[in-house]
Amino acid sequence: MSALLGLGDMLAGRFGERWIAHEAGRAQFMAAEGHHAAGMPDVVAQPRTIEDVQMLMAAAHAAGVPVVPLGVGTSLEGNAGAVAGAVSVDLSGMNRVLEVAPEDLLCVVEPGVTREALNEELRATGLFFPIDPGANATLGGMISTRASGTNAVRYGTMRENVLGLRVVLPDGTLIRTGSRARKSAAGYDLTHLFAGSEGTLGLIVEASVRLHGIPEAVLAGSWGFDSLDGAVQTVIETIQSGVPVARMELLDPVAIRACNAYAGLTLAEQPTLFVELHGSPRGVAEQREMLSAIGAEHGGGALTISADRDEQRRLWRARHAALPAARAMVTDAVTWSTDICVPISKLAGAISGARAAIDAAGLLAPILGHVGDGNYHVFFVLRRDDAAGWAKARAVNEELIDYALSVGGTCTGEHGIGIGKRGALVREHGADAVALMRRIKAAIDPAGLMNPGKIFAEE
């Protein structure tokens, strides 16, 4: 704490009221969407410029004070949780769109720009940024966890949509990675080293990201199925057939029940796909015909789909609210959202196995997710004092991860490792590969000051 006090004295002149040390101010930065216990930061700094960040990082490095980056708190694995003795750096105030280059299909943003604010800024250009993790996350946070979301099946994840970064290293050095070109073979790929590093290597202070044209026609709607297997098989065959769907989301009957109650929908409580198609009017009509034919072979009912934007927004608002909808199913509940991704050919086994494991454990847990790219989520709905329920959820979670790894999948498609999946990281990559990751971190952050305790368990 004395190091933090000294750091505050050193930076007081530059940060002023943006150096928050009083309890009431710090308490505002405890909230997070995940189920992990939220600690109160010892101090919060709010930079507004790259020079602010450089000065802060250099001073923290000299004082041996750890640094934890913050966005808007939407991470689900404790990725941005406070660390004792650290300064939490709130980057949400660095929220400018610095440049839009329509001719190059890219824009340059500060890390605190949220995806909704960016798309509002882009509205008049005919372009949009497609990565949609559900929450109105910051771009910096989305890059740090290689976020994905509902549009990933067509537009990819953050990994495919980040062209370059400016990053402040632990000692305050500013570097630039990548370029504005669509591809490069120049040296190590530092852009994608920092993307997904969860703030353990440096602070992202600027990003160049890809933009895409707003589609001429959009159709979206819901599609009920007789069985969970039929819905999943429809997804698999659709992707394997090359139908260019933009979004393909699965909600099981429990998830539909939650969304009906929370968002005022009136859908039948059955396995349901939420689908969105992008393209020309003729193209989306052809996609609809192909989808209907595939689904009919697997017990799909009528594909209820519409071009009405208000209806589409209502549907996707309900999908994005699935997490609080699940939480609302039980009074004073907590939701634990786990995130698994498997090869598309293994999706049916993964989801049917998940449903069987949940039911056998006697847990309340909707299954839903971005199944168009093999990514699904389980929302365990638990009371904080239900020790037996938490133990069962942990066991089921480990079972889901084990299955994913056994078929060549991953323990996390988009939430990252944080503190929640540090053990699973070793199971997925092996001790030697994780040891290499540790050596890379040690080379960039030899004092171990960047977001300590995240990604890697204590040795």
Protein backbone atom coordinates (compact mmCIF):
# COMPACT_ATOMS: atom_id res chain seq x y z
CA MET A 1 0.00 0.00 0.00
CA SER A 2 2.91 2.37 0.68
CA ALA A 3 4.05 1.89 -2.92
CA LEU A 4 0.58 2.89 -4.10
CA LEU A 5 0.61 5.98 -1.91
CA GLY A 6 3.96 6.98 -3.32
CA LEU A 7 2.72 6.37 -6.84
CA GLY A 8 -0.32 8.55 -6.14
CA ASP A 9 1.89 11.38 -4.89
CA MET A 10 4.00 11.10 -8.04
CA LEU A 11 1.02 11.18 -10.44
CA ALA A 12 -1.34 13.50 -8.54
CA GLY A 13 -0.42 16.51 -10.62
CA ARG A 14 -1.28 14.80 -13.91
CA PHE A 15 -4.32 12.75 -12.89
CA GLY A 16 -5.95 14.89 -10.21
CA GLU A 17 -9.51 13.64 -9.64
CA ARG A 18 -8.84 10.84 -12.10
CA TRP A 19 -6.73 9.14 -9.42
CA ILE A 20 -9.44 7.53 -7.28
CA ALA A 21 -8.35 6.38 -3.85
CA HIS A 22 -11.48 6.97 -1.72
CA GLU A 23 -13.65 3.96 -0.96
CA ALA A 24 -16.90 5.23 -2.48
CA GLY A 25 -15.19 5.89 -5.80
CA ARG A 26 -13.32 2.59 -5.86
CA ALA A 27 -16.49 0.64 -5.05
CA GLN A 28 -17.93 1.61 -8.44
CA PHE A 29 -15.31 -0.58 -10.12
CA MET A 30 -16.14 -3.83 -8.32
CA ALA A 31 -19.01 -5.00 -10.50
CA ALA A 32 -18.48 -7.69 -13.13
CA GLU A 33 -20.72 -10.04 -15.07
CA GLY A 34 -18.91 -13.18 -13.98
CA HIS A 35 -19.56 -15.34 -10.94
CA HIS A 36 -16.13 -14.83 -9.38
CA ALA A 37 -15.95 -12.83 -6.16
CA ALA A 38 -15.51 -9.13 -6.97
CA GLY A 39 -12.72 -7.41 -5.05
CA MET A 40 -12.46 -3.67 -4.56
CA PRO A 41 -9.47 -2.06 -6.28
CA ASP A 42 -6.99 -0.37 -3.92
CA VAL A 43 -6.81 2.56 -6.32
CA VAL A 44 -8.21 3.38 -9.79
CA ALA A 45 -6.48 5.53 -12.42
CA GLN A 46 -8.39 7.00 -15.36
CA PRO A 47 -6.07 7.96 -18.22
CA ARG A 48 -7.38 10.04 -21.10
CA THR A 49 -4.38 9.99 -23.45
CA ILE A 50 -1.61 7.67 -24.53
CA GLU A 51 0.83 9.95 -22.71
CA ASP A 52 -1.18 9.44 -19.50
CA VAL A 53 -0.85 5.68 -19.92
CA GLN A 54 2.87 5.86 -20.65
CA MET A 55 3.54 8.01 -17.59
CA LEU A 56 1.42 5.73 -15.40
CA MET A 57 3.07 2.54 -16.63
CA ALA A 58 6.60 3.91 -16.30
CA ALA A 59 5.93 5.12 -12.78
CA ALA A 60 4.21 1.88 -11.73
CA HIS A 61 7.09 -0.13 -13.19
CA ALA A 62 9.65 1.91 -11.28
CA ALA A 63 7.66 1.55 -8.05
CA GLY A 64 6.97 -2.18 -8.52
CA VAL A 65 3.20 -1.64 -8.50
CA PRO A 66 1.07 -4.15 -10.45
CA VAL A 67 -1.39 -2.90 -13.09
CA VAL A 68 -4.83 -4.32 -13.92
CA PRO A 69 -6.66 -3.00 -17.02
CA LEU A 70 -10.41 -2.32 -16.84
CA GLY A 71 -13.06 -1.77 -19.49
CA VAL A 72 -16.78 -1.83 -18.67
CA GLY A 73 -16.70 -5.03 -16.61
CA THR A 74 -18.34 -7.50 -18.99
CA SER A 75 -15.68 -10.21 -18.67
CA LEU A 76 -16.94 -13.54 -17.34
CA GLU A 77 -13.83 -15.33 -16.09
CA GLY A 78 -12.49 -12.73 -13.67
CA ASN A 79 -10.17 -11.39 -16.39
CA ALA A 80 -10.21 -7.81 -15.04
CA GLY A 81 -10.67 -8.57 -11.35
CA ALA A 82 -8.88 -6.32 -8.87
CA VAL A 83 -5.55 -7.48 -7.45
CA ALA A 84 -4.38 -6.46 -3.97
CA GLY A 85 -1.72 -3.77 -4.06
CA ALA A 86 -2.37 -2.98 -7.74
CA VAL A 87 -3.62 0.06 -9.59
CA SER A 88 -6.68 -0.71 -11.70
CA VAL A 89 -6.53 1.31 -14.91
CA ASP A 90 -9.96 2.33 -16.20
CA LEU A 91 -9.55 2.79 -19.96
CA SER A 92 -13.23 3.48 -20.66
CA GLY A 93 -12.56 7.23 -20.87
CA MET A 94 -10.27 6.74 -23.87
CA ASN A 95 -13.32 6.44 -26.07
CA ARG A 96 -12.69 8.31 -29.29
CA VAL A 97 -13.11 7.02 -32.83
CA LEU A 98 -9.90 8.48 -34.23
CA GLU A 99 -10.35 7.73 -37.92
CA VAL A 100 -12.77 6.08 -40.31
CA ALA A 101 -11.32 5.05 -43.69
CA PRO A 102 -14.27 3.75 -45.75
CA GLU A 103 -12.10 3.16 -48.82
CA ASP A 104 -9.87 0.82 -46.80
CA LEU A 105 -12.76 -0.75 -44.85
CA LEU A 106 -11.13 0.06 -41.52
CA CYS A 107 -11.26 2.43 -38.61
CA VAL A 108 -8.93 3.42 -35.77
CA VAL A 109 -10.31 3.53 -32.24
CA GLU A 110 -9.22 4.05 -28.67
CA PRO A 111 -9.70 1.07 -26.33
CA GLY A 112 -12.69 2.50 -24.46
CA VAL A 113 -14.93 2.76 -27.53
CA THR A 114 -17.87 0.36 -27.15
CA ARG A 115 -19.17 -1.68 -30.05
CA GLU A 116 -22.56 0.09 -29.97
CA ALA A 117 -20.96 3.54 -29.95
CA LEU A 118 -18.71 2.56 -32.85
CA ASN A 119 -21.60 1.36 -34.98
CA GLU A 120 -23.54 4.53 -34.20
CA GLU A 121 -20.54 6.53 -35.41
CA LEU A 122 -20.37 4.44 -38.58
CA ARG A 123 -24.08 4.61 -39.40
CA ALA A 124 -23.77 7.20 -42.18
CA THR A 125 -20.88 5.43 -43.91
CA GLY A 126 -22.75 2.29 -44.95
CA LEU A 127 -20.28 0.22 -42.93
CA PHE A 128 -20.46 -1.59 -39.60
CA PHE A 129 -18.31 -3.45 -37.12
CA PRO A 130 -19.81 -6.94 -36.86
CA ILE A 131 -18.33 -8.52 -33.73
CA ASP A 132 -21.20 -8.75 -31.27
CA PRO A 133 -20.49 -10.58 -28.00
CA GLY A 134 -23.90 -9.59 -26.63
CA ALA A 135 -22.74 -7.17 -23.97
CA ASN A 136 -21.90 -3.61 -24.99
CA ALA A 137 -18.22 -4.30 -24.39
CA THR A 138 -15.29 -2.01 -25.15
CA LEU A 139 -13.14 -2.75 -28.17
CA GLY A 140 -10.05 -2.92 -25.97
CA GLY A 141 -11.63 -5.56 -23.77
CA MET A 142 -12.89 -7.49 -26.78
CA ILE A 143 -9.40 -7.55 -28.27
CA SER A 144 -7.87 -8.60 -24.96
CA THR A 145 -10.03 -11.73 -24.80
CA ARG A 146 -10.30 -12.34 -28.57
CA ALA A 147 -14.06 -11.93 -28.23
CA SER A 148 -16.50 -13.56 -30.59
CA GLY A 149 -20.29 -13.46 -30.62
CA THR A 150 -23.44 -13.93 -32.63
CA ASN A 151 -22.02 -12.80 -36.01
CA ALA A 152 -18.81 -14.82 -35.84
CA VAL A 153 -20.04 -17.62 -38.11
CA ARG A 154 -19.93 -15.20 -41.07
CA TYR A 155 -17.61 -12.35 -40.05
CA GLY A 156 -15.11 -14.11 -37.79
CA THR A 157 -13.91 -13.17 -34.32
CA MET A 158 -11.77 -10.31 -33.05
CA ARG A 159 -8.74 -12.32 -34.17
CA GLU A 160 -9.75 -11.93 -37.83
CA ASN A 161 -10.86 -8.31 -37.49
CA VAL A 162 -7.89 -6.63 -35.80
CA LEU A 163 -5.29 -5.24 -38.23
CA GLY A 164 -2.93 -3.43 -35.89
CA LEU A 165 -2.45 -2.08 -32.38
CA ARG A 166 -0.60 0.52 -30.37
CA VAL A 167 0.44 -0.96 -27.05
CA VAL A 168 2.12 0.53 -23.99
CA LEU A 169 4.52 -2.03 -22.51
CA PRO A 170 5.04 -2.50 -18.77
CA ASP A 171 7.93 0.01 -18.64
CA GLY A 172 5.98 2.71 -20.51
CA THR A 173 7.42 2.05 -23.97
CA LEU A 174 4.92 2.59 -26.80
CA ILE A 175 5.01 0.16 -29.72
CA ARG A 176 2.99 -0.25 -32.90
CA THR A 177 2.06 -3.66 -34.28
CA GLY A 178 0.57 -4.66 -37.63
CA SER A 179 -0.32 -2.26 -40.43
CA ARG A 180 -3.26 -0.99 -42.45
CA ALA A 181 -2.60 -3.57 -45.16
CA ARG A 182 -4.86 -6.60 -45.42
CA LYS A 183 -1.94 -8.94 -44.88
CA SER A 184 1.72 -8.90 -43.90
CA ALA A 185 4.65 -11.30 -43.70
CA ALA A 186 6.93 -8.89 -41.82
CA GLY A 187 8.31 -10.48 -38.68
CA TYR A 188 6.55 -12.02 -35.71
CA ASP A 189 2.80 -11.45 -35.52
CA LEU A 190 2.79 -9.19 -32.47
CA THR A 191 -0.75 -8.00 -33.11
CA HIS A 192 -2.14 -11.43 -32.42
CA LEU A 193 0.22 -11.97 -29.52
CA PHE A 194 -1.38 -9.06 -27.66
CA ALA A 195 -4.88 -9.92 -28.88
CA GLY A 196 -6.05 -12.50 -26.38
CA SER A 197 -3.36 -11.74 -23.80
CA GLU A 198 -5.95 -10.40 -21.32
CA GLY A 199 -3.81 -7.45 -20.27
CA THR A 200 -0.92 -9.62 -19.10
CA LEU A 201 1.62 -8.18 -21.57
CA GLY A 202 0.74 -4.49 -21.93
CA LEU A 203 -2.10 -2.00 -22.30
CA ILE A 204 -3.76 -1.61 -25.69
CA VAL A 205 -4.23 2.12 -26.31
CA GLU A 206 -5.28 2.15 -29.98
CA ALA A 207 -6.57 -0.39 -32.48
CA SER A 208 -7.15 -0.55 -36.22
CA VAL A 209 -10.09 -2.85 -36.96
CA ARG A 210 -11.80 -4.13 -40.09
CA LEU A 211 -15.18 -2.84 -41.17
CA HIS A 212 -17.79 -4.53 -43.36
CA GLY A 213 -20.53 -3.25 -45.62
CA ILE A 214 -24.03 -3.09 -44.16
CA PRO A 215 -25.94 -5.81 -46.04
CA GLU A 216 -28.56 -4.74 -48.56
CA ALA A 217 -31.12 -7.15 -47.12
CA VAL A 218 -31.45 -8.74 -43.68
CA LEU A 219 -33.86 -11.48 -42.64
CA ALA A 220 -34.06 -12.73 -39.05
CA GLY A 221 -36.35 -14.95 -37.07
CA SER A 222 -36.86 -18.01 -34.89
CA TRP A 223 -37.19 -21.67 -35.78
CA GLY A 224 -38.55 -24.34 -33.45
CA PHE A 225 -37.52 -28.02 -33.57
CA ASP A 226 -38.94 -31.26 -32.24
CA SER A 227 -35.64 -32.21 -30.62
CA LEU A 228 -32.35 -30.70 -29.52
CA ASP A 229 -30.52 -33.14 -31.77
CA GLY A 230 -32.58 -32.05 -34.78
CA ALA A 231 -31.73 -28.39 -34.19
CA VAL A 232 -28.03 -29.16 -33.80
CA GLN A 233 -27.94 -31.42 -36.86
CA THR A 234 -29.53 -28.58 -38.86
CA VAL A 235 -26.73 -26.27 -37.76
CA ILE A 236 -24.06 -28.81 -38.69
CA GLU A 237 -25.51 -29.52 -42.13
CA THR A 238 -26.05 -25.81 -42.82
CA ILE A 239 -22.41 -24.99 -42.14
CA GLN A 240 -21.09 -28.03 -43.97
CA SER A 241 -23.27 -27.10 -46.98
CA GLY A 242 -21.72 -23.65 -47.15
CA VAL A 243 -24.91 -21.67 -46.57
CA PRO A 244 -23.53 -18.20 -45.64
CA VAL A 245 -25.70 -17.52 -42.58
CA ALA A 246 -24.72 -14.45 -40.54
CA ARG A 247 -26.04 -15.66 -37.20
CA MET A 248 -27.19 -19.07 -36.02
CA GLU A 249 -27.95 -19.22 -32.30
CA LEU A 250 -29.31 -22.18 -30.36
CA LEU A 251 -31.56 -21.85 -27.30
CA ASP A 252 -32.73 -24.99 -25.55
CA PRO A 253 -36.22 -25.16 -23.93
CA VAL A 254 -34.90 -23.89 -20.59
CA ALA A 255 -33.32 -20.87 -22.28
CA ILE A 256 -36.54 -20.18 -24.20
CA ARG A 257 -38.53 -20.29 -20.95
CA ALA A 258 -36.14 -17.77 -19.40
CA CYS A 259 -36.23 -15.41 -22.40
CA ASN A 260 -40.02 -15.60 -22.68
CA ALA A 261 -40.40 -14.52 -19.06
CA TYR A 262 -37.70 -11.86 -19.10
CA ALA A 263 -38.16 -10.31 -22.54
CA GLY A 264 -41.86 -10.85 -23.16
CA LEU A 265 -41.50 -13.38 -25.97
CA THR A 266 -44.17 -16.01 -26.59
CA LEU A 267 -42.09 -18.73 -28.24
CA ALA A 268 -42.91 -22.40 -27.73
CA GLU A 269 -40.64 -23.98 -25.09
CA GLN A 270 -38.75 -26.23 -27.47
CA PRO A 271 -35.24 -26.30 -28.97
CA THR A 272 -35.06 -23.15 -31.08
CA LEU A 273 -32.66 -21.56 -33.52
CA PHE A 274 -32.43 -17.79 -33.89
CA VAL A 275 -31.26 -17.17 -37.45
CA GLU A 276 -30.15 -14.09 -39.39
CA LEU A 277 -29.34 -13.91 -43.11
CA HIS A 278 -27.38 -11.13 -44.86
CA GLY A 279 -27.00 -10.37 -48.54
CA SER A 280 -28.93 -9.16 -51.55
CA PRO A 281 -32.74 -9.65 -51.62
CA ARG A 282 -32.30 -12.57 -54.00
CA GLY A 283 -29.41 -13.99 -51.96
CA VAL A 284 -31.26 -14.02 -48.64
CA ALA A 285 -34.30 -15.58 -50.33
CA GLU A 286 -32.10 -18.40 -51.63
CA GLN A 287 -30.49 -18.86 -48.23
CA ARG A 288 -33.95 -19.10 -46.66
CA GLU A 289 -35.02 -21.81 -49.09
CA MET A 290 -31.87 -23.83 -48.47
CA LEU A 291 -32.22 -23.51 -44.68
CA SER A 292 -35.87 -24.55 -44.74
CA ALA A 293 -35.06 -27.63 -46.78
CA ILE A 294 -32.27 -28.68 -44.41
CA GLY A 295 -34.36 -28.08 -41.29
CA ALA A 296 -37.36 -29.97 -42.64
CA GLU A 297 -35.26 -33.14 -42.68
CA HIS A 298 -34.47 -32.73 -38.98
CA GLY A 299 -37.84 -31.95 -37.42
CA GLY A 300 -37.87 -28.21 -37.93
CA GLY A 301 -41.18 -26.39 -37.97
CA ALA A 302 -41.89 -23.23 -39.92
CA LEU A 303 -38.93 -20.88 -40.23
CA THR A 304 -40.61 -17.70 -38.97
CA ILE A 305 -38.47 -14.97 -40.45
CA SER A 306 -38.98 -11.28 -41.11
CA ALA A 307 -37.36 -8.24 -42.71
CA ASP A 308 -38.99 -5.93 -40.14
CA ARG A 309 -36.16 -4.23 -38.24
CA ASP A 310 -38.23 -3.70 -35.09
CA GLU A 311 -39.08 -7.39 -34.90
CA GLN A 312 -35.44 -8.29 -35.50
CA ARG A 313 -34.24 -5.94 -32.76
CA ARG A 314 -36.78 -7.40 -30.32
CA LEU A 315 -35.56 -10.92 -31.05
CA TRP A 316 -31.86 -10.11 -30.65
CA ARG A 317 -32.44 -7.99 -27.54
CA ALA A 318 -34.03 -11.07 -25.98
CA ARG A 319 -31.06 -13.23 -27.02
CA HIS A 320 -28.56 -10.72 -25.66
CA ALA A 321 -30.46 -10.63 -22.37
CA ALA A 322 -30.23 -14.40 -21.93
CA LEU A 323 -27.74 -14.13 -19.06
CA PRO A 324 -29.87 -11.84 -16.83
CA ALA A 325 -32.93 -13.83 -17.97
CA ALA A 326 -31.35 -17.02 -16.64
CA ARG A 327 -30.39 -15.24 -13.41
CA ALA A 328 -33.98 -14.07 -12.96
CA MET A 329 -35.28 -17.65 -12.97
CA VAL A 330 -34.31 -18.01 -9.28
CA THR A 331 -34.57 -15.29 -6.63
CA ASP A 332 -31.18 -13.89 -5.60
CA ALA A 333 -29.40 -16.27 -7.99
CA VAL A 334 -25.92 -16.11 -9.47
CA THR A 335 -25.16 -17.31 -12.99
CA TRP A 336 -21.99 -19.13 -13.90
CA SER A 337 -21.55 -18.96 -17.66
CA THR A 338 -19.15 -21.49 -19.10
CA ASP A 339 -17.93 -21.30 -22.68
CA ILE A 340 -16.98 -24.33 -24.79
CA CYS A 341 -16.10 -24.59 -28.48
CA VAL A 342 -15.77 -27.79 -30.52
CA PRO A 343 -15.26 -28.69 -34.19
CA ILE A 344 -18.64 -28.37 -35.91
CA SER A 345 -18.76 -32.13 -36.60
CA LYS A 346 -18.64 -32.78 -32.82
CA LEU A 347 -21.31 -30.26 -31.86
CA ALA A 348 -24.19 -32.74 -31.51
CA GLY A 349 -22.25 -34.94 -29.09
CA ALA A 350 -21.09 -31.93 -27.10
CA ILE A 351 -24.54 -30.43 -26.60
CA SER A 352 -26.41 -33.69 -26.01
CA GLY A 353 -23.71 -34.69 -23.53
CA ALA A 354 -23.98 -31.32 -21.79
CA ARG A 355 -27.76 -31.62 -21.45
CA ALA A 356 -27.45 -35.15 -20.07
CA ALA A 357 -24.78 -34.14 -17.54
CA ILE A 358 -26.80 -31.12 -16.36
CA ASP A 359 -29.97 -33.15 -15.93
CA ALA A 360 -28.16 -36.01 -14.16
CA ALA A 361 -26.72 -33.49 -11.67
CA GLY A 362 -30.16 -32.02 -11.02
CA LEU A 363 -29.05 -28.51 -11.98
CA LEU A 364 -30.94 -25.62 -13.54
CA ALA A 365 -28.83 -24.57 -16.52
CA PRO A 366 -29.98 -23.28 -19.91
CA ILE A 367 -27.85 -24.20 -22.93
CA LEU A 368 -27.44 -21.64 -25.69
CA GLY A 369 -24.77 -20.15 -27.85
CA HIS A 370 -23.19 -19.29 -31.15
CA VAL A 371 -23.49 -22.80 -32.47
CA GLY A 372 -22.86 -21.77 -36.07
CA ASP A 373 -19.15 -21.88 -35.22
CA GLY A 374 -19.31 -24.71 -32.70
CA ASN A 375 -19.43 -22.42 -29.65
CA TYR A 376 -22.01 -23.03 -26.92
CA HIS A 377 -22.61 -21.80 -23.39
CA VAL A 378 -24.13 -23.27 -20.26
CA PHE A 379 -25.58 -20.85 -17.70
CA PHE A 380 -25.57 -22.57 -14.32
CA VAL A 381 -28.19 -20.82 -12.16
CA LEU A 382 -27.13 -21.13 -8.51
CA ARG A 383 -27.71 -19.64 -5.09
CA ARG A 384 -24.57 -18.34 -3.42
CA ASP A 385 -25.14 -20.51 -0.33
CA ASP A 386 -25.82 -23.74 -2.26
CA ALA A 387 -22.46 -25.44 -1.71
CA ALA A 388 -23.67 -28.75 -3.10
CA GLY A 389 -25.01 -27.06 -6.26
CA TRP A 390 -21.71 -25.26 -6.85
CA ALA A 391 -19.80 -28.52 -6.45
CA LYS A 392 -22.05 -30.22 -8.99
CA ALA A 393 -21.67 -27.31 -11.42
CA ARG A 394 -17.88 -27.47 -11.11
CA ALA A 395 -17.96 -31.19 -11.86
CA VAL A 396 -20.21 -30.71 -14.91
CA ASN A 397 -18.04 -27.84 -16.14
CA GLU A 398 -14.94 -30.04 -15.97
CA GLU A 399 -16.80 -32.80 -17.80
CA LEU A 400 -17.74 -30.40 -20.61
CA ILE A 401 -14.15 -29.19 -20.93
CA ASP A 402 -12.81 -32.75 -20.94
CA TYR A 403 -15.15 -33.72 -23.78
CA ALA A 404 -14.22 -30.64 -25.82
CA LEU A 405 -10.51 -31.32 -25.44
CA SER A 406 -10.98 -35.00 -26.31
CA VAL A 407 -12.42 -34.10 -29.72
CA GLY A 408 -9.95 -31.33 -30.57
CA GLY A 409 -11.96 -28.42 -29.16
CA THR A 410 -11.09 -25.71 -26.66
CA CYS A 411 -11.98 -24.86 -23.08
CA THR A 412 -13.01 -21.33 -24.11
CA GLY A 413 -14.15 -19.98 -27.44
CA GLU A 414 -14.43 -16.34 -26.40
CA HIS A 415 -14.44 -15.67 -22.63
CA GLY A 416 -10.73 -16.18 -22.16
CA ILE A 417 -8.88 -17.83 -19.28
CA GLY A 418 -8.87 -15.16 -16.57
CA ILE A 419 -8.77 -16.88 -13.20
CA GLY A 420 -11.54 -19.37 -13.94
CA LYS A 421 -9.86 -21.65 -16.49
CA ARG A 422 -6.18 -21.55 -15.61
CA GLY A 423 -6.08 -25.27 -14.95
CA ALA A 424 -7.92 -26.02 -18.19
CA LEU A 425 -5.30 -24.04 -20.13
CA VAL A 426 -2.63 -26.56 -19.11
CA ARG A 427 -4.90 -29.50 -19.96
CA GLU A 428 -5.56 -28.02 -23.40
CA HIS A 429 -2.06 -27.00 -24.44
CA GLY A 430 0.18 -29.11 -22.23
CA ALA A 431 2.78 -28.08 -19.66
CA ASP A 432 5.52 -27.39 -22.21
CA ALA A 433 3.41 -25.01 -24.29
CA VAL A 434 2.19 -23.14 -21.20
CA ALA A 435 5.80 -22.92 -19.99
CA LEU A 436 6.63 -21.23 -23.31
CA MET A 437 3.76 -18.79 -22.79
CA ARG A 438 5.17 -17.99 -19.36
CA ARG A 439 8.61 -17.32 -20.87
CA ILE A 440 7.07 -14.92 -23.40
CA LYS A 441 5.36 -13.06 -20.57
CA ALA A 442 8.58 -12.99 -18.55
CA ALA A 443 10.45 -11.52 -21.54
CA ILE A 444 7.95 -8.66 -21.91
CA ASP A 445 6.99 -8.27 -18.24
CA PRO A 446 9.97 -9.54 -16.23
CA ALA A 447 8.67 -8.10 -12.95
CA GLY A 448 5.29 -9.79 -13.41
CA LEU A 449 3.36 -6.54 -12.91
CA MET A 450 0.79 -6.87 -15.71
CA ASN A 451 -2.56 -8.27 -14.52
CA PRO A 452 -0.89 -10.80 -12.19
CA GLY A 453 -2.66 -14.05 -11.43
CA LYS A 454 -4.58 -14.09 -14.70
CA ILE A 455 -4.17 -16.83 -17.34
CA PHE A 456 -1.43 -18.62 -15.38
CA ALA A 457 -1.90 -20.26 -11.99
CA GLU A 458 0.70 -19.51 -9.36
CA GLU A 459 3.70 -21.82 -9.71
